Amino acid sequence: MRRPDNYARWVLGVMVGINFLNYLDRYILPVVATKIQAEFHLDDTAIGALGTAFLLVYAVAALPFGIWADRGVRRTVVGVGVTIWSLATLLTGL
């Protein structure tokens, strides 16, 4: 078996980092939900709708991105996906 070269290790590290940030972004809402509720005077239904909206967007985006990843250049798919996700996260903070 061939040993992985440095580039393969670097790619693996980048992908692990992207996946870590993805999970961090996914699980941040439950951590800060009580503070968001207090700040914006939201009831439990409204804060639950935030989680539902996140999951719906995530689920709807997964299908076209999955098809695109299967048929397209994966490097481009990952780059575009990370860019869109980063912009969405940035705009959420505004």
PDB file of N, CA and C in Angstrom:
ATOM      1  N   MET A   1       0.845  -1.176   0.000  1.00  0.00           N
ATOM      2  CA  MET A   1       0.000   0.000   0.000  1.00  0.00           C
ATOM      3  C   MET A   1       0.895   1.245   0.000  1.00  0.00           C
ATOM      4  N   ARG A   2       0.500   2.231  -0.747  1.00  0.00           N
ATOM      5  CA  ARG A   2       1.257   3.470  -0.874  1.00  0.00           C
ATOM      6  C   ARG A   2       1.006   4.384   0.318  1.00  0.00           C
ATOM      7  N   ARG A   3       2.037   5.039   0.799  1.00  0.00           N
ATOM      8  CA  ARG A   3       1.886   5.987   1.904  1.00  0.00           C
ATOM      9  C   ARG A   3       1.286   7.291   1.390  1.00  0.00           C
ATOM     10  N   PRO A   4       0.385   7.893   2.171  1.00  0.00           N
ATOM     11  CA  PRO A   4      -0.193   9.173   1.728  1.00  0.00           C
ATOM     12  C   PRO A   4       0.871  10.270   1.735  1.00  0.00           C
ATOM     13  N   ASP A   5       0.837  11.103   0.730  1.00  0.00           N
ATOM     14  CA  ASP A   5       1.789  12.202   0.681  1.00  0.00           C
ATOM     15  C   ASP A   5       1.272  13.391   1.487  1.00  0.00           C
ATOM     16  N   ASN A   6       2.080  14.427   1.560  1.00  0.00           N
ATOM     17  CA  ASN A   6       1.729  15.602   2.366  1.00  0.00           C
ATOM     18  C   ASN A   6       0.478  16.298   1.859  1.00  0.00           C
ATOM     19  N   TYR A   7       0.285  16.334   0.541  1.00  0.00           N
ATOM     20  CA  TYR A   7      -0.899  16.983  -0.015  1.00  0.00           C
ATOM     21  C   TYR A   7      -2.169  16.270   0.434  1.00  0.00           C
ATOM     22  N   ALA A   8      -2.163  14.951   0.412  1.00  0.00           N
ATOM     23  CA  ALA A   8      -3.336  14.187   0.852  1.00  0.00           C
ATOM     24  C   ALA A   8      -3.624  14.453   2.324  1.00  0.00           C
ATOM     25  N   ARG A   9      -2.586  14.534   3.124  1.00  0.00           N
ATOM     26  CA  ARG A   9      -2.778  14.848   4.552  1.00  0.00           C
ATOM     27  C   ARG A   9      -3.337  16.260   4.724  1.00  0.00           C
ATOM     28  N   TRP A  10      -2.837  17.186   3.927  1.00  0.00           N
ATOM     29  CA  TRP A  10      -3.318  18.564   4.008  1.00  0.00           C
ATOM     30  C   TRP A  10      -4.800  18.631   3.636  1.00  0.00           C
ATOM     31  N   VAL A  11      -5.186  17.949   2.561  1.00  0.00           N
ATOM     32  CA  VAL A  11      -6.589  17.921   2.135  1.00  0.00           C
ATOM     33  C   VAL A  11      -7.453  17.305   3.227  1.00  0.00           C
ATOM     34  N   LEU A  12      -6.989  16.212   3.815  1.00  0.00           N
ATOM     35  CA  LEU A  12      -7.733  15.591   4.910  1.00  0.00           C
ATOM     36  C   LEU A  12      -7.899  16.564   6.070  1.00  0.00           C
ATOM     37  N   GLY A  13      -6.840  17.278   6.424  1.00  0.00           N
ATOM     38  CA  GLY A  13      -6.919  18.255   7.507  1.00  0.00           C
ATOM     39  C   GLY A  13      -7.910  19.372   7.212  1.00  0.00           C
ATOM     40  N   VAL A  14      -7.900  19.866   5.980  1.00  0.00           N
ATOM     41  CA  VAL A  14      -8.846  20.917   5.589  1.00  0.00           C
ATOM     42  C   VAL A  14     -10.280  20.401   5.669  1.00  0.00           C
ATOM     43  N   MET A  15     -10.516  19.194   5.167  1.00  0.00           N
ATOM     44  CA  MET A  15     -11.870  18.629   5.194  1.00  0.00           C
ATOM     45  C   MET A  15     -12.343  18.379   6.627  1.00  0.00           C
ATOM     46  N   VAL A  16     -11.445  17.909   7.492  1.00  0.00           N
ATOM     47  CA  VAL A  16     -11.800  17.721   8.903  1.00  0.00           C
ATOM     48  C   VAL A  16     -12.134  19.070   9.530  1.00  0.00           C
ATOM     49  N   GLY A  17     -11.353  20.101   9.210  1.00  0.00           N
ATOM     50  CA  GLY A  17     -11.634  21.437   9.733  1.00  0.00           C
ATOM     51  C   GLY A  17     -12.976  21.977   9.265  1.00  0.00           C
ATOM     52  N   ILE A  18     -13.288  21.788   7.995  1.00  0.00           N
ATOM     53  CA  ILE A  18     -14.578  22.227   7.461  1.00  0.00           C
ATOM     54  C   ILE A  18     -15.715  21.486   8.152  1.00  0.00           C
ATOM     55  N   ASN A  19     -15.555  20.183   8.329  1.00  0.00           N
ATOM     56  CA  ASN A  19     -16.597  19.395   8.989  1.00  0.00           C
ATOM     57  C   ASN A  19     -16.763  19.818  10.445  1.00  0.00           C
ATOM     58  N   PHE A  20     -15.650  20.112  11.129  1.00  0.00           N
ATOM     59  CA  PHE A  20     -15.724  20.591  12.512  1.00  0.00           C
ATOM     60  C   PHE A  20     -16.508  21.896  12.588  1.00  0.00           C
ATOM     61  N   LEU A  21     -16.199  22.836  11.709  1.00  0.00           N
ATOM     62  CA  LEU A  21     -16.927  24.109  11.698  1.00  0.00           C
ATOM     63  C   LEU A  21     -18.396  23.912  11.344  1.00  0.00           C
ATOM     64  N   ASN A  22     -18.688  22.970  10.465  1.00  0.00           N
ATOM     65  CA  ASN A  22     -20.069  22.657  10.114  1.00  0.00           C
ATOM     66  C   ASN A  22     -20.840  22.194  11.350  1.00  0.00           C
ATOM     67  N   TYR A  23     -20.267  21.265  12.100  1.00  0.00           N
ATOM     68  CA  TYR A  23     -20.941  20.780  13.301  1.00  0.00           C
ATOM     69  C   TYR A  23     -21.017  21.858  14.370  1.00  0.00           C
ATOM     70  N   LEU A  24     -19.982  22.667  14.497  1.00  0.00           N
ATOM     71  CA  LEU A  24     -20.005  23.764  15.456  1.00  0.00           C
ATOM     72  C   LEU A  24     -21.134  24.734  15.124  1.00  0.00           C
ATOM     73  N   ASP A  25     -21.274  25.057  13.850  1.00  0.00           N
ATOM     74  CA  ASP A  25     -22.336  25.955  13.406  1.00  0.00           C
ATOM     75  C   ASP A  25     -23.710  25.332  13.616  1.00  0.00           C
ATOM     76  N   ARG A  26     -23.796  24.033  13.414  1.00  0.00           N
ATOM     77  CA  ARG A  26     -25.074  23.332  13.552  1.00  0.00           C
ATOM     78  C   ARG A  26     -25.553  23.295  15.005  1.00  0.00           C
ATOM     79  N   TYR A  27     -24.624  23.169  15.941  1.00  0.00           N
ATOM     80  CA  TYR A  27     -25.017  22.987  17.344  1.00  0.00           C
ATOM     81  C   TYR A  27     -24.884  24.244  18.192  1.00  0.00           C
ATOM     82  N   ILE A  28     -24.629  25.383  17.585  1.00  0.00           N
ATOM     83  CA  ILE A  28     -24.504  26.614  18.364  1.00  0.00           C
ATOM     84  C   ILE A  28     -25.866  27.150  18.809  1.00  0.00           C
ATOM     85  N   LEU A  29     -26.906  26.941  18.009  1.00  0.00           N
ATOM     86  CA  LEU A  29     -28.228  27.471  18.355  1.00  0.00           C
ATOM     87  C   LEU A  29     -28.757  26.929  19.679  1.00  0.00           C
ATOM     88  N   PRO A  30     -28.706  25.632  19.935  1.00  0.00           N
ATOM     89  CA  PRO A  30     -29.194  25.166  21.239  1.00  0.00           C
ATOM     90  C   PRO A  30     -28.419  25.752  22.420  1.00  0.00           C
ATOM     91  N   VAL A  31     -27.150  26.052  22.215  1.00  0.00           N
ATOM     92  CA  VAL A  31     -26.332  26.603  23.294  1.00  0.00           C
ATOM     93  C   VAL A  31     -26.762  28.029  23.633  1.00  0.00           C
ATOM     94  N   VAL A  32     -27.094  28.812  22.628  1.00  0.00           N
ATOM     95  CA  VAL A  32     -27.421  30.220  22.852  1.00  0.00           C
ATOM     96  C   VAL A  32     -28.921  30.511  22.797  1.00  0.00           C
ATOM     97  N   ALA A  33     -29.743  29.479  22.701  1.00  0.00           N
ATOM     98  CA  ALA A  33     -31.192  29.679  22.533  1.00  0.00           C
ATOM     99  C   ALA A  33     -31.801  30.481  23.675  1.00  0.00           C
ATOM    100  N   THR A  34     -31.421  30.195  24.911  1.00  0.00           N
ATOM    101  CA  THR A  34     -32.023  30.927  26.036  1.00  0.00           C
ATOM    102  C   THR A  34     -31.635  32.404  26.014  1.00  0.00           C
ATOM    103  N   LYS A  35     -30.407  32.699  25.612  1.00  0.00           N
ATOM    104  CA  LYS A  35     -29.987  34.103  25.525  1.00  0.00           C
ATOM    105  C   LYS A  35     -30.719  34.825  24.394  1.00  0.00           C
ATOM    106  N   ILE A  36     -30.925  34.145  23.272  1.00  0.00           N
ATOM    107  CA  ILE A  36     -31.673  34.732  22.157  1.00  0.00           C
ATOM    108  C   ILE A  36     -33.120  34.966  22.569  1.00  0.00           C
ATOM    109  N   GLN A  37     -33.710  34.001  23.277  1.00  0.00           N
ATOM    110  CA  GLN A  37     -35.092  34.157  23.751  1.00  0.00           C
ATOM    111  C   GLN A  37     -35.217  35.377  24.647  1.00  0.00           C
ATOM    112  N   ALA A  38     -34.283  35.547  25.567  1.00  0.00           N
ATOM    113  CA  ALA A  38     -34.348  36.680  26.491  1.00  0.00           C
ATOM    114  C   ALA A  38     -34.123  38.005  25.765  1.00  0.00           C
ATOM    115  N   GLU A  39     -33.169  38.036  24.852  1.00  0.00           N
ATOM    116  CA  GLU A  39     -32.835  39.277  24.149  1.00  0.00           C
ATOM    117  C   GLU A  39     -33.973  39.769  23.262  1.00  0.00           C
ATOM    118  N   PHE A  40     -34.627  38.850  22.558  1.00  0.00           N
ATOM    119  CA  PHE A  40     -35.657  39.229  21.594  1.00  0.00           C
ATOM    120  C   PHE A  40     -37.069  38.909  22.064  1.00  0.00           C
ATOM    121  N   HIS A  41     -37.216  38.501  23.331  1.00  0.00           N
ATOM    122  CA  HIS A  41     -38.525  38.200  23.933  1.00  0.00           C
ATOM    123  C   HIS A  41     -39.307  37.195  23.091  1.00  0.00           C
ATOM    124  N   LEU A  42     -38.668  36.074  22.772  1.00  0.00           N
ATOM    125  CA  LEU A  42     -39.286  35.032  21.965  1.00  0.00           C
ATOM    126  C   LEU A  42     -39.853  33.941  22.862  1.00  0.00           C
ATOM    127  N   ASP A  43     -40.971  33.356  22.434  1.00  0.00           N
ATOM    128  CA  ASP A  43     -41.498  32.209  23.172  1.00  0.00           C
ATOM    129  C   ASP A  43     -40.847  30.929  22.635  1.00  0.00           C
ATOM    130  N   ASP A  44     -41.192  29.799  23.244  1.00  0.00           N
ATOM    131  CA  ASP A  44     -40.588  28.524  22.849  1.00  0.00           C
ATOM    132  C   ASP A  44     -40.907  28.157  21.400  1.00  0.00           C
ATOM    133  N   THR A  45     -42.096  28.511  20.939  1.00  0.00           N
ATOM    134  CA  THR A  45     -42.476  28.212  19.558  1.00  0.00           C
ATOM    135  C   THR A  45     -41.590  28.969  18.571  1.00  0.00           C
ATOM    136  N   ALA A  46     -41.325  30.219  18.848  1.00  0.00           N
ATOM    137  CA  ALA A  46     -40.501  31.031  17.947  1.00  0.00           C
ATOM    138  C   ALA A  46     -39.063  30.526  17.911  1.00  0.00           C
ATOM    139  N   ILE A  47     -38.512  30.174  19.062  1.00  0.00           N
ATOM    140  CA  ILE A  47     -37.136  29.679  19.077  1.00  0.00           C
ATOM    141  C   ILE A  47     -37.059  28.306  18.414  1.00  0.00           C
ATOM    142  N   GLY A  48     -38.117  27.516  18.541  1.00  0.00           N
ATOM    143  CA  GLY A  48     -38.176  26.236  17.844  1.00  0.00           C
ATOM    144  C   GLY A  48     -38.251  26.416  16.340  1.00  0.00           C
ATOM    145  N   ALA A  49     -38.922  27.479  15.904  1.00  0.00           N
ATOM    146  CA  ALA A  49     -39.013  27.768  14.469  1.00  0.00           C
ATOM    147  C   ALA A  49     -37.642  28.098  13.882  1.00  0.00           C
ATOM    148  N   LEU A  50     -36.764  28.706  14.679  1.00  0.00           N
ATOM    149  CA  LEU A  50     -35.405  28.973  14.201  1.00  0.00           C
ATOM    150  C   LEU A  50     -34.674  27.668  13.887  1.00  0.00           C
ATOM    151  N   GLY A  51     -34.774  26.714  14.798  1.00  0.00           N
ATOM    152  CA  GLY A  51     -34.151  25.412  14.562  1.00  0.00           C
ATOM    153  C   GLY A  51     -34.753  24.698  13.372  1.00  0.00           C
ATOM    154  N   THR A  52     -36.069  24.782  13.239  1.00  0.00           N
ATOM    155  CA  THR A  52     -36.747  24.152  12.107  1.00  0.00           C
ATOM    156  C   THR A  52     -36.326  24.799  10.792  1.00  0.00           C
ATOM    157  N   ALA A  53     -36.229  26.119  10.767  1.00  0.00           N
ATOM    158  CA  ALA A  53     -35.805  26.820   9.551  1.00  0.00           C
ATOM    159  C   ALA A  53     -34.395  26.393   9.146  1.00  0.00           C
ATOM    160  N   PHE A  54     -33.512  26.279  10.118  1.00  0.00           N
ATOM    161  CA  PHE A  54     -32.149  25.836   9.834  1.00  0.00           C
ATOM    162  C   PHE A  54     -32.151  24.444   9.207  1.00  0.00           C
ATOM    163  N   LEU A  55     -32.893  23.528   9.814  1.00  0.00           N
ATOM    164  CA  LEU A  55     -32.926  22.156   9.307  1.00  0.00           C
ATOM    165  C   LEU A  55     -33.560  22.069   7.921  1.00  0.00           C
ATOM    166  N   LEU A  56     -34.589  22.870   7.674  1.00  0.00           N
ATOM    167  CA  LEU A  56     -35.221  22.855   6.356  1.00  0.00           C
ATOM    168  C   LEU A  56     -34.267  23.348   5.270  1.00  0.00           C
ATOM    169  N   VAL A  57     -33.581  24.442   5.537  1.00  0.00           N
ATOM    170  CA  VAL A  57     -32.613  24.962   4.559  1.00  0.00           C
ATOM    171  C   VAL A  57     -31.495  23.944   4.346  1.00  0.00           C
ATOM    172  N   TYR A  58     -31.023  23.350   5.417  1.00  0.00           N
ATOM    173  CA  TYR A  58     -29.965  22.346   5.348  1.00  0.00           C
ATOM    174  C   TYR A  58     -30.409  21.154   4.504  1.00  0.00           C
ATOM    175  N   ALA A  59     -31.627  20.675   4.741  1.00  0.00           N
ATOM    176  CA  ALA A  59     -32.146  19.512   4.015  1.00  0.00           C
ATOM    177  C   ALA A  59     -32.393  19.827   2.543  1.00  0.00           C
ATOM    178  N   VAL A  60     -32.951  21.000   2.260  1.00  0.00           N
ATOM    179  CA  VAL A  60     -33.231  21.380   0.873  1.00  0.00           C
ATOM    180  C   VAL A  60     -31.923  21.572   0.099  1.00  0.00           C
ATOM    181  N   ALA A  61     -30.908  22.121   0.738  1.00  0.00           N
ATOM    182  CA  ALA A  61     -29.631  22.348   0.057  1.00  0.00           C
ATOM    183  C   ALA A  61     -28.850  21.055  -0.140  1.00  0.00           C
ATOM    184  N   ALA A  62     -29.074  20.062   0.701  1.00  0.00           N
ATOM    185  CA  ALA A  62     -28.292  18.823   0.629  1.00  0.00           C
ATOM    186  C   ALA A  62     -28.511  18.079  -0.683  1.00  0.00           C
ATOM    187  N   LEU A  63     -29.722  18.027  -1.165  1.00  0.00           N
ATOM    188  CA  LEU A  63     -30.006  17.267  -2.383  1.00  0.00           C
ATOM    189  C   LEU A  63     -29.320  17.851  -3.622  1.00  0.00           C
ATOM    190  N   PRO A  64     -29.511  19.133  -3.938  1.00  0.00           N
ATOM    191  CA  PRO A  64     -28.820  19.639  -5.133  1.00  0.00           C
ATOM    192  C   PRO A  64     -27.296  19.637  -4.988  1.00  0.00           C
ATOM    193  N   PHE A  65     -26.785  19.940  -3.792  1.00  0.00           N
ATOM    194  CA  PHE A  65     -25.337  19.908  -3.607  1.00  0.00           C
ATOM    195  C   PHE A  65     -24.801  18.485  -3.714  1.00  0.00           C
ATOM    196  N   GLY A  66     -25.565  17.503  -3.234  1.00  0.00           N
ATOM    197  CA  GLY A  66     -25.157  16.107  -3.364  1.00  0.00           C
ATOM    198  C   GLY A  66     -25.099  15.657  -4.809  1.00  0.00           C
ATOM    199  N   ILE A  67     -26.115  16.023  -5.575  1.00  0.00           N
ATOM    200  CA  ILE A  67     -26.129  15.679  -7.006  1.00  0.00           C
ATOM    201  C   ILE A  67     -24.977  16.373  -7.726  1.00  0.00           C
ATOM    202  N   TRP A  68     -24.774  17.650  -7.402  1.00  0.00           N
ATOM    203  CA  TRP A  68     -23.687  18.405  -8.017  1.00  0.00           C
ATOM    204  C   TRP A  68     -22.328  17.794  -7.657  1.00  0.00           C
ATOM    205  N   ALA A  69     -22.164  17.370  -6.402  1.00  0.00           N
ATOM    206  CA  ALA A  69     -20.901  16.760  -5.976  1.00  0.00           C
ATOM    207  C   ALA A  69     -20.644  15.445  -6.702  1.00  0.00           C
ATOM    208  N   ASP A  70     -21.696  14.681  -6.970  1.00  0.00           N
ATOM    209  CA  ASP A  70     -21.535  13.420  -7.696  1.00  0.00           C
ATOM    210  C   ASP A  70     -21.165  13.639  -9.157  1.00  0.00           C
ATOM    211  N   ARG A  71     -21.674  14.691  -9.750  1.00  0.00           N
ATOM    212  CA  ARG A  71     -21.490  14.908 -11.194  1.00  0.00           C
ATOM    213  C   ARG A  71     -20.423  15.942 -11.528  1.00  0.00           C
ATOM    214  N   GLY A  72     -20.104  16.814 -10.591  1.00  0.00           N
ATOM    215  CA  GLY A  72     -19.199  17.915 -10.882  1.00  0.00           C
ATOM    216  C   GLY A  72     -17.817  17.722 -10.292  1.00  0.00           C
ATOM    217  N   VAL A  73     -17.061  18.794 -10.291  1.00  0.00           N
ATOM    218  CA  VAL A  73     -15.719  18.809  -9.716  1.00  0.00           C
ATOM    219  C   VAL A  73     -15.860  19.071  -8.217  1.00  0.00           C
ATOM    220  N   ARG A  74     -15.459  18.117  -7.419  1.00  0.00           N
ATOM    221  CA  ARG A  74     -15.700  18.207  -5.977  1.00  0.00           C
ATOM    222  C   ARG A  74     -14.992  19.393  -5.333  1.00  0.00           C
ATOM    223  N   ARG A  75     -13.828  19.740  -5.830  1.00  0.00           N
ATOM    224  CA  ARG A  75     -13.104  20.886  -5.274  1.00  0.00           C
ATOM    225  C   ARG A  75     -13.934  22.164  -5.433  1.00  0.00           C
ATOM    226  N   THR A  76     -14.564  22.319  -6.584  1.00  0.00           N
ATOM    227  CA  THR A  76     -15.420  23.480  -6.831  1.00  0.00           C
ATOM    228  C   THR A  76     -16.656  23.435  -5.946  1.00  0.00           C
ATOM    229  N   VAL A  77     -17.247  22.261  -5.806  1.00  0.00           N
ATOM    230  CA  VAL A  77     -18.446  22.112  -4.976  1.00  0.00           C
ATOM    231  C   VAL A  77     -18.140  22.490  -3.533  1.00  0.00           C
ATOM    232  N   VAL A  78     -17.031  21.995  -3.008  1.00  0.00           N
ATOM    233  CA  VAL A  78     -16.660  22.310  -1.625  1.00  0.00           C
ATOM    234  C   VAL A  78     -16.389  23.806  -1.484  1.00  0.00           C
ATOM    235  N   GLY A  79     -15.667  24.381  -2.426  1.00  0.00           N
ATOM    236  CA  GLY A  79     -15.367  25.809  -2.362  1.00  0.00           C
ATOM    237  C   GLY A  79     -16.610  26.678  -2.402  1.00  0.00           C
ATOM    238  N   VAL A  80     -17.513  26.374  -3.317  1.00  0.00           N
ATOM    239  CA  VAL A  80     -18.764  27.140  -3.418  1.00  0.00           C
ATOM    240  C   VAL A  80     -19.619  26.921  -2.174  1.00  0.00           C
ATOM    241  N   GLY A  81     -19.696  25.680  -1.713  1.00  0.00           N
ATOM    242  CA  GLY A  81     -20.492  25.386  -0.521  1.00  0.00           C
ATOM    243  C   GLY A  81     -19.983  26.112   0.711  1.00  0.00           C
ATOM    244  N   VAL A  82     -18.671  26.098   0.916  1.00  0.00           N
ATOM    245  CA  VAL A  82     -18.092  26.800   2.067  1.00  0.00           C
ATOM    246  C   VAL A  82     -18.298  28.303   1.935  1.00  0.00           C
ATOM    247  N   THR A  83     -18.183  28.829   0.731  1.00  0.00           N
ATOM    248  CA  THR A  83     -18.397  30.265   0.522  1.00  0.00           C
ATOM    249  C   THR A  83     -19.836  30.658   0.827  1.00  0.00           C
ATOM    250  N   ILE A  84     -20.789  29.901   0.313  1.00  0.00           N
ATOM    251  CA  ILE A  84     -22.206  30.195   0.581  1.00  0.00           C
ATOM    252  C   ILE A  84     -22.497  30.084   2.069  1.00  0.00           C
ATOM    253  N   TRP A  85     -21.998  29.016   2.697  1.00  0.00           N
ATOM    254  CA  TRP A  85     -22.236  28.809   4.128  1.00  0.00           C
ATOM    255  C   TRP A  85     -21.618  29.949   4.943  1.00  0.00           C
ATOM    256  N   SER A  86     -20.415  30.383   4.579  1.00  0.00           N
ATOM    257  CA  SER A  86     -19.752  31.472   5.296  1.00  0.00           C
ATOM    258  C   SER A  86     -20.508  32.783   5.136  1.00  0.00           C
ATOM    259  N   LEU A  87     -20.965  33.066   3.928  1.00  0.00           N
ATOM    260  CA  LEU A  87     -21.744  34.290   3.711  1.00  0.00           C
ATOM    261  C   LEU A  87     -23.061  34.254   4.476  1.00  0.00           C
ATOM    262  N   ALA A  88     -23.716  33.098   4.495  1.00  0.00           N
ATOM    263  CA  ALA A  88     -24.965  32.971   5.247  1.00  0.00           C
ATOM    264  C   ALA A  88     -24.717  33.182   6.735  1.00  0.00           C
ATOM    265  N   THR A  89     -23.627  32.631   7.245  1.00  0.00           N
ATOM    266  CA  THR A  89     -23.288  32.817   8.655  1.00  0.00           C
ATOM    267  C   THR A  89     -22.974  34.280   8.939  1.00  0.00           C
ATOM    268  N   LEU A  90     -22.236  34.922   8.043  1.00  0.00           N
ATOM    269  CA  LEU A  90     -21.915  36.339   8.202  1.00  0.00           C
ATOM    270  C   LEU A  90     -23.176  37.190   8.198  1.00  0.00           C
ATOM    271  N   LEU A  91     -24.072  36.931   7.259  1.00  0.00           N
ATOM    272  CA  LEU A  91     -25.302  37.718   7.163  1.00  0.00           C
ATOM    273  C   LEU A  91     -26.230  37.472   8.349  1.00  0.00           C
ATOM    274  N   THR A  92     -26.145  36.299   8.956  1.00  0.00           N
ATOM    275  CA  THR A  92     -26.950  36.018  10.143  1.00  0.00           C
ATOM    276  C   THR A  92     -26.557  36.935  11.292  1.00  0.00           C
ATOM    277  N   GLY A  93     -25.271  37.254  11.372  1.00  0.00           N
ATOM    278  CA  GLY A  93     -24.792  38.110  12.449  1.00  0.00           C
ATOM    279  C   GLY A  93     -25.119  39.581  12.261  1.00  0.00           C
ATOM    280  N   LEU A  94     -25.530  39.967  11.075  1.00  0.00           N
ATOM    281  CA  LEU A  94     -25.839  41.380  10.832  1.00  0.00           C
ATOM    282  C   LEU A  94     -27.223  41.639  11.236  1.00  0.00           C
TER     283      LEU A  94
END
